[in-house]
Amino acid sequence: LVVADPQLGMRNMDTTRAPDAEEEQYLAQTVKFANSVKPRFVVVVGDLVDRHAVEGEAHFRTQADALYKHLDQVHNDVPVLFLPG
């Protein structure tokens, strides 16, 4: 299963850059789907979050934490691989 460009934090252009509820809902639905079809693996490609650590550690950490909070819910027997870009 390929998950492309979750880019959490992109829609929320205020100063917090926190992922908004709709972004997190989409990711939660994706995880629910992955768990229902039980693919051999999940590959997350593209922009994982909207900001990288160089532009602000706090923004990056908030976005990365939200990403991992959801992807950690994929069944343990399904590897999750990342190909950022």
Protein backbone atom coordinates (compact mmCIF):
# COMPACT_ATOMS: atom_id res chain seq x y z
CA LEU A 1 0.00 0.00 0.00
CA VAL A 2 1.42 3.39 -0.97
CA VAL A 3 0.57 6.49 1.06
CA ALA A 4 1.62 9.64 -0.79
CA ASP A 5 2.34 13.10 0.59
CA PRO A 6 0.62 13.17 3.98
CA GLN A 7 2.41 16.54 4.51
CA LEU A 8 0.86 17.15 7.93
CA GLY A 9 0.72 20.82 8.83
CA MET A 10 0.37 22.15 5.29
CA ARG A 11 -3.27 23.15 5.56
CA ASN A 12 -2.81 25.03 8.82
CA MET A 13 -0.93 28.11 7.69
CA ASP A 14 -1.09 29.95 11.01
CA THR A 15 2.00 30.32 13.15
CA THR A 16 1.59 26.95 14.88
CA ARG A 17 1.74 24.91 11.67
CA ALA A 18 0.04 22.15 13.66
CA PRO A 19 -1.71 19.42 11.70
CA ASP A 20 -5.41 20.21 11.48
CA ALA A 21 -8.20 17.79 12.37
CA GLU A 22 -9.04 17.02 8.74
CA GLU A 23 -5.43 16.06 7.91
CA GLU A 24 -5.32 13.75 10.90
CA GLN A 25 -8.73 12.29 10.00
CA TYR A 26 -7.48 11.42 6.49
CA LEU A 27 -4.44 9.72 7.95
CA ALA A 28 -6.56 7.82 10.49
CA GLN A 29 -8.82 6.61 7.67
CA THR A 30 -5.76 5.49 5.71
CA VAL A 31 -4.52 3.48 8.68
CA LYS A 32 -7.95 1.94 9.16
CA PHE A 33 -7.96 0.92 5.50
CA ALA A 34 -4.44 -0.51 5.75
CA ASN A 35 -5.45 -2.57 8.76
CA SER A 36 -8.53 -3.88 6.93
CA VAL A 37 -6.66 -5.02 3.80
CA LYS A 38 -3.49 -6.14 5.62
CA PRO A 39 -0.96 -5.37 2.88
CA ARG A 40 2.51 -6.93 2.92
CA PHE A 41 3.88 -3.47 3.71
CA VAL A 42 2.99 0.22 3.73
CA VAL A 43 5.25 2.74 2.00
CA VAL A 44 4.83 6.40 2.90
CA VAL A 45 6.32 8.57 0.13
CA GLY A 46 6.73 12.27 -0.57
CA ASP A 47 6.43 15.10 1.92
CA LEU A 48 5.73 13.51 5.28
CA VAL A 49 5.31 16.81 7.15
CA ASP A 50 5.20 20.44 6.03
CA ARG A 51 8.30 21.71 7.82
CA HIS A 52 11.69 20.20 8.39
CA ALA A 53 13.76 20.58 11.53
CA VAL A 54 15.99 23.30 10.07
CA GLU A 55 12.99 25.64 9.76
CA GLY A 56 11.90 25.13 13.34
CA GLU A 57 12.27 22.15 15.61
CA ALA A 58 8.98 22.79 17.42
CA HIS A 59 6.91 22.85 14.21
CA PHE A 60 8.66 19.76 12.89
CA ARG A 61 8.23 17.83 16.16
CA THR A 62 4.49 18.62 16.37
CA GLN A 63 3.93 17.42 12.82
CA ALA A 64 6.17 14.34 13.12
CA ASP A 65 4.53 13.32 16.39
CA ALA A 66 1.09 13.46 14.74
CA LEU A 67 2.34 11.40 11.81
CA TYR A 68 3.81 8.68 14.02
CA LYS A 69 0.80 8.70 16.35
CA HIS A 70 -1.31 7.44 13.46
CA LEU A 71 1.18 5.24 11.63
CA ASP A 72 2.01 3.45 14.87
CA GLN A 73 -1.56 2.10 14.69
CA VAL A 74 -0.80 -0.03 11.61
CA HIS A 75 -0.81 -3.71 12.57
CA ASN A 76 2.53 -4.81 14.01
CA ASP A 77 2.94 -7.48 11.34
CA VAL A 78 2.77 -4.87 8.53
CA PRO A 79 6.10 -3.04 8.05
CA VAL A 80 5.83 0.71 7.48
CA LEU A 81 8.59 2.11 5.28
CA PHE A 82 9.36 5.77 4.58
CA LEU A 83 10.68 7.31 1.37
CA PRO A 84 10.60 11.07 2.02
CA GLY A 85 11.11 13.49 -0.77
